[in-house]
C-alpha cells in the first residue's frame, strides 16, 4: 500500500510541475505579445477604425541637438521597463524552481535566455557598482595561481579579466568558453568559488 501512495504522490508532483511549466510559458508568451515596437505602436484594427490622430511636432531649444521626438524617447523608456519586467519575472521563476526545471524552461523557449540577459544588463546599468568588478579587483590583488570556479558566470567576464585559471559555469550559454550545465551537479573543487 505504501508503494502505491508514493507513486500517486510522484504522479501528482509531475502533473503540478508540468502545470507550472505551462503557466510560466503562457506568461512569457503574453509578455512577448505585448512587446512594443516602434514600427507598430498601435493596433491594426484601431488604425483603420479611427481617423489618424493629429501629429504634434516639437521644436528643440538647442538647434545643434539631434532631433529626438518625445514618442521615440517614450518608446525607449517603455522598452527598458519591459525588458526589466521580463528579467524580474524569469529571475523569480529561476529562484523558485529546481535546476532541472530551469533547464527545461530554457530548452522549451530558447529566447528566454536572451530575454533574461538583456533584462539583467538593463538592471545592472542602474547599479552604482557591479559586484563582478569588485571580484575582479580582488582577484587581481591576489595570487594568479588561485584556481577559480565562477558559478552563474553569464558572459564569463571574470575569466576574461584575470590571469587566474577560471572555470566559467552557467546553466545555459552562447559563450564558447562557458561550461553549460546544471550547476547543482557540480561539486566545488578549486581554491575559490564565485556564486
N, C-alpha and C. Protein backbone atom coordinates (compact mmCIF):
# COMPACT_ATOMS: atom_id res chain seq x y z
N UNK A 1 0.81 -1.19 0.00
CA UNK A 1 0.00 0.00 0.00
C UNK A 1 0.86 1.26 0.00
N UNK A 2 1.96 1.24 0.78
CA UNK A 2 2.82 2.43 0.84
C UNK A 2 3.38 2.76 -0.52
N UNK A 3 3.78 1.78 -1.28
CA UNK A 3 4.35 1.98 -2.61
C UNK A 3 3.38 2.67 -3.54
N UNK A 4 2.09 2.27 -3.46
CA UNK A 4 1.06 2.89 -4.30
C UNK A 4 0.90 4.36 -3.96
N UNK A 5 0.96 4.69 -2.68
CA UNK A 5 0.84 6.09 -2.24
C UNK A 5 1.98 6.94 -2.76
N UNK A 6 3.18 6.38 -2.75
CA UNK A 6 4.34 7.12 -3.26
C UNK A 6 4.21 7.36 -4.75
N UNK A 7 3.74 6.35 -5.48
CA UNK A 7 3.57 6.51 -6.93
C UNK A 7 2.55 7.60 -7.22
N UNK A 8 1.43 7.61 -6.46
CA UNK A 8 0.41 8.66 -6.67
C UNK A 8 0.99 10.03 -6.38
N UNK A 9 1.79 10.16 -5.30
CA UNK A 9 2.40 11.45 -4.96
C UNK A 9 3.35 11.92 -6.05
N UNK A 10 4.19 10.98 -6.58
CA UNK A 10 5.12 11.35 -7.66
C UNK A 10 4.35 11.78 -8.90
N UNK A 11 3.26 11.07 -9.19
CA UNK A 11 2.44 11.42 -10.35
C UNK A 11 1.83 12.81 -10.18
N UNK A 12 1.34 13.11 -8.97
CA UNK A 12 0.78 14.44 -8.70
C UNK A 12 1.85 15.52 -8.85
N UNK A 13 3.05 15.26 -8.34
CA UNK A 13 4.14 16.23 -8.44
C UNK A 13 4.49 16.49 -9.90
N UNK A 14 4.54 15.43 -10.72
CA UNK A 14 4.85 15.61 -12.15
C UNK A 14 3.79 16.46 -12.82
N UNK A 15 2.51 16.20 -12.49
CA UNK A 15 1.43 16.99 -13.10
C UNK A 15 1.53 18.44 -12.66
N UNK A 16 1.82 18.68 -11.36
CA UNK A 16 1.96 20.05 -10.86
C UNK A 16 3.12 20.75 -11.55
N UNK A 17 4.25 20.04 -11.71
CA UNK A 17 5.42 20.60 -12.36
C UNK A 17 5.10 20.96 -13.80
N UNK A 18 4.38 20.08 -14.51
CA UNK A 18 4.00 20.35 -15.90
C UNK A 18 3.07 21.56 -15.96
N UNK A 19 2.11 21.66 -15.01
CA UNK A 19 1.20 22.80 -14.97
C UNK A 19 1.98 24.08 -14.73
N UNK A 20 2.97 24.06 -13.82
CA UNK A 20 3.79 25.24 -13.55
C UNK A 20 4.53 25.66 -14.81
N UNK A 21 5.09 24.69 -15.54
CA UNK A 21 5.83 24.99 -16.77
C UNK A 21 4.91 25.62 -17.80
N UNK A 22 3.72 25.02 -17.98
CA UNK A 22 2.76 25.56 -18.94
C UNK A 22 2.35 26.96 -18.56
N UNK A 23 2.09 27.20 -17.27
CA UNK A 23 1.68 28.52 -16.79
C UNK A 23 2.78 29.55 -17.04
N UNK A 24 4.03 29.17 -16.78
CA UNK A 24 5.15 30.09 -16.98
C UNK A 24 5.30 30.41 -18.47
N UNK A 25 5.19 29.39 -19.32
CA UNK A 25 5.29 29.61 -20.77
C UNK A 25 4.19 30.54 -21.25
N UNK A 26 2.98 30.38 -20.72
CA UNK A 26 1.87 31.25 -21.09
C UNK A 26 2.16 32.69 -20.67
N UNK A 27 2.70 32.88 -19.46
CA UNK A 27 3.04 34.24 -19.00
C UNK A 27 4.07 34.88 -19.91
N UNK A 28 5.09 34.13 -20.30
CA UNK A 28 6.14 34.66 -21.18
C UNK A 28 5.55 35.02 -22.53
N UNK A 29 4.69 34.15 -23.09
CA UNK A 29 4.09 34.43 -24.39
C UNK A 29 3.22 35.67 -24.33
N UNK A 30 2.50 35.87 -23.23
CA UNK A 30 1.68 37.06 -23.06
C UNK A 30 2.54 38.30 -23.05
N UNK A 31 3.64 38.25 -22.32
CA UNK A 31 4.53 39.41 -22.26
C UNK A 31 5.18 39.66 -23.61
N UNK A 32 5.59 38.61 -24.30
CA UNK A 32 6.21 38.78 -25.60
C UNK A 32 5.23 39.38 -26.60
N UNK A 33 3.95 39.01 -26.50
CA UNK A 33 2.97 39.54 -27.44
C UNK A 33 2.66 41.01 -27.19
N UNK A 34 2.98 41.51 -25.99
CA UNK A 34 2.75 42.93 -25.69
C UNK A 34 3.99 43.77 -25.95
N UNK A 35 5.01 43.17 -26.56
CA UNK A 35 6.26 43.88 -26.84
C UNK A 35 5.97 45.10 -27.72
N UNK A 36 6.49 46.22 -27.34
CA UNK A 36 6.29 47.46 -28.07
C UNK A 36 7.33 47.58 -29.15
N UNK A 37 6.91 47.83 -30.38
CA UNK A 37 7.87 48.07 -31.44
C UNK A 37 7.62 49.44 -32.04
N UNK A 38 8.66 50.16 -32.44
CA UNK A 38 8.48 51.49 -32.97
C UNK A 38 7.69 51.49 -34.28
N UNK A 39 7.71 50.37 -35.02
CA UNK A 39 7.00 50.32 -36.29
C UNK A 39 5.51 50.14 -36.11
N UNK A 40 5.11 49.54 -34.99
CA UNK A 40 3.70 49.23 -34.81
C UNK A 40 3.30 49.55 -33.38
N UNK A 41 3.10 50.81 -33.08
CA UNK A 41 2.79 51.15 -31.70
C UNK A 41 1.30 51.31 -31.45
N UNK A 42 0.45 50.93 -32.43
CA UNK A 42 -0.97 50.84 -32.16
C UNK A 42 -1.55 49.70 -32.96
N UNK A 43 -2.70 49.25 -32.57
CA UNK A 43 -3.33 48.08 -33.18
C UNK A 43 -3.73 48.34 -34.63
N UNK A 44 -3.68 47.31 -35.47
CA UNK A 44 -4.11 47.43 -36.86
C UNK A 44 -5.60 47.80 -36.91
N UNK A 45 -6.42 47.15 -36.04
CA UNK A 45 -7.86 47.40 -36.05
C UNK A 45 -8.18 48.84 -35.72
N UNK A 46 -7.52 49.38 -34.70
CA UNK A 46 -7.81 50.76 -34.31
C UNK A 46 -7.28 51.73 -35.33
N UNK A 47 -6.24 51.35 -36.08
CA UNK A 47 -5.70 52.24 -37.09
C UNK A 47 -6.69 52.43 -38.22
N UNK A 48 -7.45 51.39 -38.58
CA UNK A 48 -8.41 51.52 -39.68
C UNK A 48 -9.74 52.03 -39.19
N UNK A 49 -10.08 51.80 -37.92
CA UNK A 49 -11.40 52.18 -37.42
C UNK A 49 -11.49 53.66 -37.09
N UNK A 50 -10.43 54.28 -36.67
CA UNK A 50 -10.49 55.68 -36.28
C UNK A 50 -9.58 56.51 -37.16
N UNK A 51 -9.91 57.79 -37.33
CA UNK A 51 -9.06 58.64 -38.16
C UNK A 51 -7.72 58.84 -37.48
N UNK A 52 -6.67 59.12 -38.25
CA UNK A 52 -5.36 59.31 -37.64
C UNK A 52 -5.35 60.49 -36.69
N UNK A 53 -4.64 60.32 -35.59
CA UNK A 53 -4.56 61.38 -34.59
C UNK A 53 -3.71 62.52 -35.13
N UNK A 54 -4.01 63.72 -34.66
CA UNK A 54 -3.25 64.89 -35.08
C UNK A 54 -1.82 64.75 -34.55
N UNK A 55 -0.85 64.94 -35.44
CA UNK A 55 0.54 64.80 -35.04
C UNK A 55 1.06 66.14 -34.54
N UNK A 56 1.84 66.08 -33.48
CA UNK A 56 2.44 67.27 -32.92
C UNK A 56 3.93 67.25 -33.19
N UNK A 57 4.47 68.38 -33.55
CA UNK A 57 5.90 68.49 -33.76
C UNK A 57 6.47 69.38 -32.68
N UNK A 58 7.58 68.94 -32.09
CA UNK A 58 8.19 69.68 -31.01
C UNK A 58 9.49 70.29 -31.49
N UNK A 59 9.71 71.53 -31.11
CA UNK A 59 10.94 72.21 -31.51
C UNK A 59 11.98 72.03 -30.41
N UNK A 60 13.22 71.81 -30.83
CA UNK A 60 14.33 71.71 -29.87
C UNK A 60 14.79 73.11 -29.52
N UNK A 61 15.15 73.29 -28.28
CA UNK A 61 15.70 74.59 -27.87
C UNK A 61 17.10 74.78 -28.42
N UNK A 62 17.86 73.70 -28.47
CA UNK A 62 19.23 73.76 -28.97
C UNK A 62 19.21 73.34 -30.44
N UNK A 63 19.49 74.24 -31.36
CA UNK A 63 19.42 73.88 -32.77
C UNK A 63 20.46 72.85 -33.18
N UNK A 64 21.55 72.69 -32.42
CA UNK A 64 22.57 71.70 -32.76
C UNK A 64 22.26 70.32 -32.18
N UNK A 65 21.29 70.25 -31.28
CA UNK A 65 20.93 68.98 -30.66
C UNK A 65 20.22 68.09 -31.68
N UNK A 66 20.43 66.77 -31.59
CA UNK A 66 19.75 65.87 -32.53
C UNK A 66 18.24 65.90 -32.30
N UNK A 67 17.50 65.76 -33.36
CA UNK A 67 16.04 65.80 -33.27
C UNK A 67 15.54 64.45 -32.78
N UNK A 68 15.10 64.39 -31.52
CA UNK A 68 14.55 63.18 -30.92
C UNK A 68 13.14 63.51 -30.49
N UNK A 69 12.19 62.80 -31.04
CA UNK A 69 10.80 63.08 -30.69
C UNK A 69 10.51 62.50 -29.31
N UNK A 70 9.50 63.06 -28.69
CA UNK A 70 9.12 62.57 -27.37
C UNK A 70 8.59 61.15 -27.45
N UNK A 71 7.95 60.81 -28.58
CA UNK A 71 7.39 59.47 -28.70
C UNK A 71 8.48 58.41 -28.77
N UNK A 72 9.59 58.68 -29.48
CA UNK A 72 10.66 57.68 -29.53
C UNK A 72 11.35 57.56 -28.18
N UNK A 73 11.47 58.66 -27.46
CA UNK A 73 12.04 58.62 -26.11
C UNK A 73 11.14 57.81 -25.19
N UNK A 74 9.85 58.01 -25.32
CA UNK A 74 8.88 57.27 -24.52
C UNK A 74 8.96 55.78 -24.84
N UNK A 75 9.04 55.44 -26.13
CA UNK A 75 9.14 54.04 -26.53
C UNK A 75 10.40 53.39 -25.97
N UNK A 76 11.51 54.10 -26.00
CA UNK A 76 12.76 53.56 -25.45
C UNK A 76 12.62 53.30 -23.95
N UNK A 77 11.99 54.22 -23.24
CA UNK A 77 11.78 54.02 -21.79
C UNK A 77 10.88 52.82 -21.54
N UNK A 78 9.84 52.68 -22.35
CA UNK A 78 8.92 51.56 -22.17
C UNK A 78 9.59 50.23 -22.50
N UNK A 79 10.43 50.22 -23.53
CA UNK A 79 11.17 49.01 -23.86
C UNK A 79 12.10 48.61 -22.72
N UNK A 80 12.75 49.59 -22.12
CA UNK A 80 13.65 49.31 -20.99
C UNK A 80 12.86 48.75 -19.81
N UNK A 81 11.69 49.31 -19.55
CA UNK A 81 10.87 48.82 -18.44
C UNK A 81 10.37 47.41 -18.72
N UNK A 82 9.99 47.17 -19.97
CA UNK A 82 9.51 45.85 -20.35
C UNK A 82 10.63 44.81 -20.22
N UNK A 83 11.83 45.19 -20.64
CA UNK A 83 12.99 44.31 -20.52
C UNK A 83 13.26 44.00 -19.05
N UNK A 84 13.18 45.02 -18.20
CA UNK A 84 13.38 44.81 -16.76
C UNK A 84 12.31 43.91 -16.18
N UNK A 85 11.07 44.06 -16.66
CA UNK A 85 9.97 43.21 -16.20
C UNK A 85 10.18 41.76 -16.59
N UNK A 86 10.63 41.54 -17.83
CA UNK A 86 10.94 40.18 -18.28
C UNK A 86 11.99 39.56 -17.37
N UNK A 87 13.06 40.32 -17.11
CA UNK A 87 14.14 39.81 -16.27
C UNK A 87 13.61 39.44 -14.88
N UNK A 88 12.84 40.34 -14.27
CA UNK A 88 12.36 40.07 -12.91
C UNK A 88 11.48 38.83 -12.86
N UNK A 89 10.62 38.67 -13.86
CA UNK A 89 9.72 37.51 -13.88
C UNK A 89 10.51 36.21 -14.06
N UNK A 90 11.44 36.19 -15.02
CA UNK A 90 12.24 34.99 -15.26
C UNK A 90 13.13 34.71 -14.05
N UNK A 91 13.71 35.76 -13.48
CA UNK A 91 14.58 35.61 -12.31
C UNK A 91 13.81 35.01 -11.13
N UNK A 92 12.60 35.49 -10.90
CA UNK A 92 11.77 34.96 -9.82
C UNK A 92 11.48 33.47 -10.06
N UNK A 93 11.20 33.13 -11.30
CA UNK A 93 10.92 31.74 -11.63
C UNK A 93 12.16 30.88 -11.39
N UNK A 94 13.33 31.39 -11.77
CA UNK A 94 14.57 30.61 -11.60
C UNK A 94 14.90 30.42 -10.11
N UNK A 95 14.54 31.39 -9.27
CA UNK A 95 14.82 31.26 -7.84
C UNK A 95 13.88 30.28 -7.16
N UNK A 96 12.73 30.00 -7.77
CA UNK A 96 11.74 29.17 -7.10
C UNK A 96 11.55 27.80 -7.76
N UNK A 97 12.51 27.38 -8.58
CA UNK A 97 12.39 26.07 -9.21
C UNK A 97 13.73 25.33 -9.11
N UNK A 98 13.70 24.07 -9.47
CA UNK A 98 14.93 23.27 -9.44
C UNK A 98 15.76 23.57 -10.69
N UNK A 99 17.00 23.12 -10.68
CA UNK A 99 17.87 23.30 -11.84
C UNK A 99 17.33 22.58 -13.07
N UNK A 100 16.75 21.38 -12.86
CA UNK A 100 16.17 20.64 -13.98
C UNK A 100 15.00 21.39 -14.60
N UNK A 101 14.14 21.97 -13.74
CA UNK A 101 13.00 22.74 -14.25
C UNK A 101 13.49 23.97 -15.01
N UNK A 102 14.49 24.65 -14.46
CA UNK A 102 15.03 25.85 -15.12
C UNK A 102 15.60 25.49 -16.49
N UNK A 103 16.34 24.40 -16.54
CA UNK A 103 16.90 23.96 -17.82
C UNK A 103 15.79 23.64 -18.80
N UNK A 104 14.71 23.06 -18.30
CA UNK A 104 13.55 22.75 -19.14
C UNK A 104 12.92 24.01 -19.72
N UNK A 105 12.82 25.08 -18.91
CA UNK A 105 12.24 26.34 -19.40
C UNK A 105 13.07 26.88 -20.56
N UNK A 106 14.40 26.87 -20.40
CA UNK A 106 15.27 27.41 -21.43
C UNK A 106 15.28 26.51 -22.67
N UNK A 107 15.13 25.19 -22.49
CA UNK A 107 15.06 24.30 -23.65
C UNK A 107 13.75 24.48 -24.39
N UNK A 108 12.65 24.66 -23.64
CA UNK A 108 11.33 24.85 -24.26
C UNK A 108 11.26 26.15 -25.05
N UNK A 109 11.91 27.20 -24.53
CA UNK A 109 11.87 28.51 -25.19
C UNK A 109 13.26 29.15 -25.11
N UNK A 110 14.13 28.88 -26.07
CA UNK A 110 15.50 29.41 -26.04
C UNK A 110 15.57 30.94 -26.01
N UNK A 111 14.52 31.62 -26.47
CA UNK A 111 14.54 33.10 -26.44
C UNK A 111 14.54 33.64 -25.01
N UNK A 112 14.15 32.81 -24.03
CA UNK A 112 14.18 33.25 -22.63
C UNK A 112 15.59 33.61 -22.19
N UNK A 113 16.58 32.88 -22.70
CA UNK A 113 17.96 33.13 -22.34
C UNK A 113 18.36 34.55 -22.72
N UNK A 114 18.10 34.93 -23.97
CA UNK A 114 18.44 36.28 -24.42
C UNK A 114 17.62 37.34 -23.69
N UNK A 115 16.35 37.03 -23.45
CA UNK A 115 15.47 37.96 -22.73
C UNK A 115 15.99 38.18 -21.30
N UNK A 116 16.38 37.10 -20.65
CA UNK A 116 16.90 37.18 -19.28
C UNK A 116 18.15 38.04 -19.23
N UNK A 117 19.10 37.78 -20.14
CA UNK A 117 20.37 38.51 -20.10
C UNK A 117 20.21 39.96 -20.54
N UNK A 118 19.29 40.25 -21.45
CA UNK A 118 19.03 41.65 -21.84
C UNK A 118 18.45 42.41 -20.65
N UNK A 119 17.54 41.78 -19.93
CA UNK A 119 16.96 42.41 -18.74
C UNK A 119 17.98 42.59 -17.65
N UNK A 120 18.86 41.59 -17.49
CA UNK A 120 19.91 41.68 -16.48
C UNK A 120 20.85 42.84 -16.79
N UNK A 121 21.22 42.99 -18.06
CA UNK A 121 22.09 44.11 -18.46
C UNK A 121 21.41 45.44 -18.16
N UNK A 122 20.12 45.52 -18.43
CA UNK A 122 19.36 46.75 -18.16
C UNK A 122 19.36 47.05 -16.66
N UNK A 123 19.13 46.05 -15.84
CA UNK A 123 19.13 46.24 -14.39
C UNK A 123 20.50 46.69 -13.90
N UNK A 124 21.56 46.05 -14.40
CA UNK A 124 22.92 46.38 -13.97
C UNK A 124 23.30 47.81 -14.34
N UNK A 125 22.73 48.33 -15.41
CA UNK A 125 23.09 49.68 -15.83
C UNK A 125 22.71 50.74 -14.79
N UNK A 126 21.85 50.37 -13.85
CA UNK A 126 21.42 51.30 -12.81
C UNK A 126 22.16 51.11 -11.48
N UNK A 127 22.99 50.09 -11.38
CA UNK A 127 23.71 49.82 -10.14
C UNK A 127 24.89 50.77 -10.02
N UNK A 128 25.16 51.26 -8.80
CA UNK A 128 26.31 52.16 -8.62
C UNK A 128 27.65 51.46 -8.87
N UNK A 129 27.74 50.18 -8.52
CA UNK A 129 28.95 49.41 -8.80
C UNK A 129 28.58 47.95 -9.04
N UNK A 130 29.20 47.35 -10.02
CA UNK A 130 28.90 45.96 -10.35
C UNK A 130 29.71 45.03 -9.44
N UNK A 131 29.05 44.08 -8.79
CA UNK A 131 29.76 43.14 -7.92
C UNK A 131 30.88 42.40 -8.64
N UNK A 132 30.68 42.08 -9.92
CA UNK A 132 31.72 41.36 -10.66
C UNK A 132 33.01 42.18 -10.74
N UNK A 133 32.90 43.50 -10.80
CA UNK A 133 34.10 44.34 -10.83
C UNK A 133 34.86 44.30 -9.51
N UNK A 134 34.13 44.18 -8.42
CA UNK A 134 34.76 44.06 -7.09
C UNK A 134 35.52 42.74 -7.01
N UNK A 135 34.90 41.69 -7.51
CA UNK A 135 35.54 40.35 -7.50
C UNK A 135 36.79 40.37 -8.37
N UNK A 136 36.70 40.99 -9.53
CA UNK A 136 37.85 41.07 -10.44
C UNK A 136 39.00 41.82 -9.78
N UNK A 137 38.70 42.95 -9.14
CA UNK A 137 39.76 43.71 -8.44
C UNK A 137 40.40 42.87 -7.35
N UNK A 138 39.58 42.14 -6.60
CA UNK A 138 40.09 41.31 -5.51
C UNK A 138 41.04 40.24 -6.08
N UNK A 139 40.63 39.57 -7.16
CA UNK A 139 41.46 38.54 -7.76
C UNK A 139 42.77 39.11 -8.29
N UNK A 140 42.73 40.30 -8.87
CA UNK A 140 43.95 40.92 -9.40
C UNK A 140 44.93 41.27 -8.28
N UNK A 141 44.40 41.50 -7.07
CA UNK A 141 45.25 41.83 -5.92
C UNK A 141 45.79 40.58 -5.23
N UNK A 142 45.37 39.40 -5.66
CA UNK A 142 45.80 38.15 -5.04
C UNK A 142 46.54 37.28 -6.06
N UNK A 143 46.98 36.16 -5.60
CA UNK A 143 47.82 35.28 -6.42
C UNK A 143 47.11 34.80 -7.69
N UNK A 144 47.77 34.92 -8.83
CA UNK A 144 47.19 34.40 -10.06
C UNK A 144 47.19 32.87 -10.12
N UNK A 145 47.79 32.24 -9.12
CA UNK A 145 47.80 30.78 -9.09
C UNK A 145 46.50 30.20 -8.51
N UNK A 146 45.64 31.06 -7.93
CA UNK A 146 44.36 30.58 -7.41
C UNK A 146 43.50 30.07 -8.56
N UNK A 147 42.93 28.88 -8.40
CA UNK A 147 42.00 28.33 -9.39
C UNK A 147 40.60 28.72 -8.96
N UNK A 148 39.82 29.26 -9.91
CA UNK A 148 38.51 29.84 -9.59
C UNK A 148 37.41 29.14 -10.37
N UNK A 149 36.29 28.90 -9.71
CA UNK A 149 35.08 28.43 -10.39
C UNK A 149 34.05 29.55 -10.27
N UNK A 150 33.58 30.03 -11.40
CA UNK A 150 32.60 31.12 -11.43
C UNK A 150 31.24 30.53 -11.80
N UNK A 151 30.42 30.26 -10.76
CA UNK A 151 29.10 29.66 -10.96
C UNK A 151 28.09 30.75 -11.30
N UNK A 152 27.39 30.58 -12.41
CA UNK A 152 26.45 31.61 -12.87
C UNK A 152 27.19 32.77 -13.50
N UNK A 153 28.18 32.44 -14.31
CA UNK A 153 29.15 33.43 -14.81
C UNK A 153 28.60 34.38 -15.86
N UNK A 154 27.47 34.06 -16.49
CA UNK A 154 26.93 34.94 -17.53
C UNK A 154 27.84 34.99 -18.74
N UNK A 155 28.44 36.16 -18.98
CA UNK A 155 29.30 36.34 -20.16
C UNK A 155 30.77 36.05 -19.87
N UNK A 156 31.07 35.40 -18.77
CA UNK A 156 32.43 34.99 -18.38
C UNK A 156 33.38 36.18 -18.23
N UNK A 157 32.87 37.26 -17.68
CA UNK A 157 33.67 38.48 -17.52
C UNK A 157 34.87 38.28 -16.61
N UNK A 158 34.71 37.47 -15.56
CA UNK A 158 35.83 37.23 -14.64
C UNK A 158 36.97 36.54 -15.39
N UNK A 159 36.65 35.49 -16.12
CA UNK A 159 37.69 34.74 -16.85
C UNK A 159 38.41 35.62 -17.87
N UNK A 160 37.68 36.55 -18.46
CA UNK A 160 38.27 37.44 -19.48
C UNK A 160 39.12 38.55 -18.86
N UNK A 161 39.00 38.75 -17.55
CA UNK A 161 39.64 39.91 -16.92
C UNK A 161 40.82 39.59 -16.01
N UNK A 162 41.03 38.32 -15.68
CA UNK A 162 42.11 37.98 -14.75
C UNK A 162 43.04 36.93 -15.36
N UNK A 163 44.22 36.78 -14.74
CA UNK A 163 45.22 35.81 -15.21
C UNK A 163 44.97 34.42 -14.64
N UNK A 164 44.13 34.31 -13.63
CA UNK A 164 43.85 33.03 -12.96
C UNK A 164 43.22 32.04 -13.93
N UNK A 165 43.34 30.76 -13.60
CA UNK A 165 42.59 29.73 -14.32
C UNK A 165 41.18 29.80 -13.77
N UNK A 166 40.20 30.12 -14.64
CA UNK A 166 38.80 30.28 -14.22
C UNK A 166 37.93 29.29 -14.99
N UNK A 167 37.16 28.50 -14.25
CA UNK A 167 36.15 27.64 -14.85
C UNK A 167 34.84 28.42 -14.83
N UNK A 168 34.39 28.86 -15.97
CA UNK A 168 33.14 29.64 -16.08
C UNK A 168 32.00 28.67 -16.31
N UNK A 169 31.04 28.65 -15.39
CA UNK A 169 29.95 27.67 -15.41
C UNK A 169 28.62 28.40 -15.34
N UNK A 170 27.68 28.01 -16.21
CA UNK A 170 26.34 28.59 -16.18
C UNK A 170 25.34 27.55 -16.70
N UNK A 171 24.08 27.78 -16.43
CA UNK A 171 23.04 26.83 -16.84
C UNK A 171 22.95 26.73 -18.36
N UNK A 172 22.94 27.88 -19.03
CA UNK A 172 22.86 27.96 -20.49
C UNK A 172 23.80 29.07 -20.92
N UNK A 173 24.43 28.93 -22.08
CA UNK A 173 25.32 29.99 -22.54
C UNK A 173 25.53 29.93 -24.04
N UNK A 174 25.71 31.12 -24.63
CA UNK A 174 26.11 31.22 -26.03
C UNK A 174 27.62 31.40 -26.14
N UNK A 175 28.25 31.61 -25.01
CA UNK A 175 29.70 31.86 -24.95
C UNK A 175 30.44 30.52 -25.03
N UNK A 176 31.33 30.33 -26.01
CA UNK A 176 32.01 29.03 -26.16
C UNK A 176 32.90 28.65 -24.98
N UNK A 177 33.41 29.61 -24.24
CA UNK A 177 34.30 29.28 -23.13
C UNK A 177 33.56 28.89 -21.86
N UNK A 178 32.23 28.99 -21.87
CA UNK A 178 31.43 28.69 -20.67
C UNK A 178 30.98 27.24 -20.70
N UNK A 179 31.10 26.57 -19.55
CA UNK A 179 30.61 25.20 -19.39
C UNK A 179 29.14 25.29 -19.04
N UNK A 180 28.27 24.88 -19.97
CA UNK A 180 26.82 24.93 -19.74
C UNK A 180 26.39 23.62 -19.09
N UNK A 181 25.81 23.72 -17.88
CA UNK A 181 25.38 22.52 -17.17
C UNK A 181 24.48 22.91 -16.00
N UNK A 182 23.83 21.90 -15.41
CA UNK A 182 23.06 22.10 -14.20
C UNK A 182 24.07 22.20 -13.06
N UNK A 183 24.23 23.37 -12.50
CA UNK A 183 25.28 23.63 -11.51
C UNK A 183 25.07 22.86 -10.21
N UNK A 184 23.85 22.35 -10.00
CA UNK A 184 23.59 21.56 -8.79
C UNK A 184 24.40 20.27 -8.80
N UNK A 185 24.82 19.84 -9.99
CA UNK A 185 25.57 18.59 -10.11
C UNK A 185 27.08 18.79 -10.12
N UNK A 186 27.54 20.02 -9.91
CA UNK A 186 28.98 20.31 -9.91
C UNK A 186 29.43 20.52 -8.47
N UNK A 187 30.44 19.78 -8.08
CA UNK A 187 30.99 19.95 -6.73
C UNK A 187 32.08 21.02 -6.77
N UNK A 188 32.06 21.95 -5.82
CA UNK A 188 33.13 22.95 -5.78
C UNK A 188 34.48 22.25 -5.60
N UNK A 189 35.41 22.55 -6.45
CA UNK A 189 36.70 21.87 -6.43
C UNK A 189 37.89 22.80 -6.40
N UNK A 190 37.80 24.02 -6.86
CA UNK A 190 39.02 24.85 -6.91
C UNK A 190 39.28 25.58 -5.60
N UNK A 191 40.24 26.49 -5.66
CA UNK A 191 40.60 27.27 -4.46
C UNK A 191 39.52 28.27 -4.08
N UNK A 192 38.81 28.77 -5.07
CA UNK A 192 37.85 29.85 -4.83
C UNK A 192 36.62 29.65 -5.72
N UNK A 193 35.43 29.77 -5.12
CA UNK A 193 34.18 29.66 -5.87
C UNK A 193 33.43 30.99 -5.80
N UNK A 194 32.92 31.41 -6.93
CA UNK A 194 32.09 32.62 -7.01
C UNK A 194 30.68 32.17 -7.30
N UNK A 195 29.74 32.59 -6.45
CA UNK A 195 28.32 32.22 -6.65
C UNK A 195 27.53 33.47 -6.93
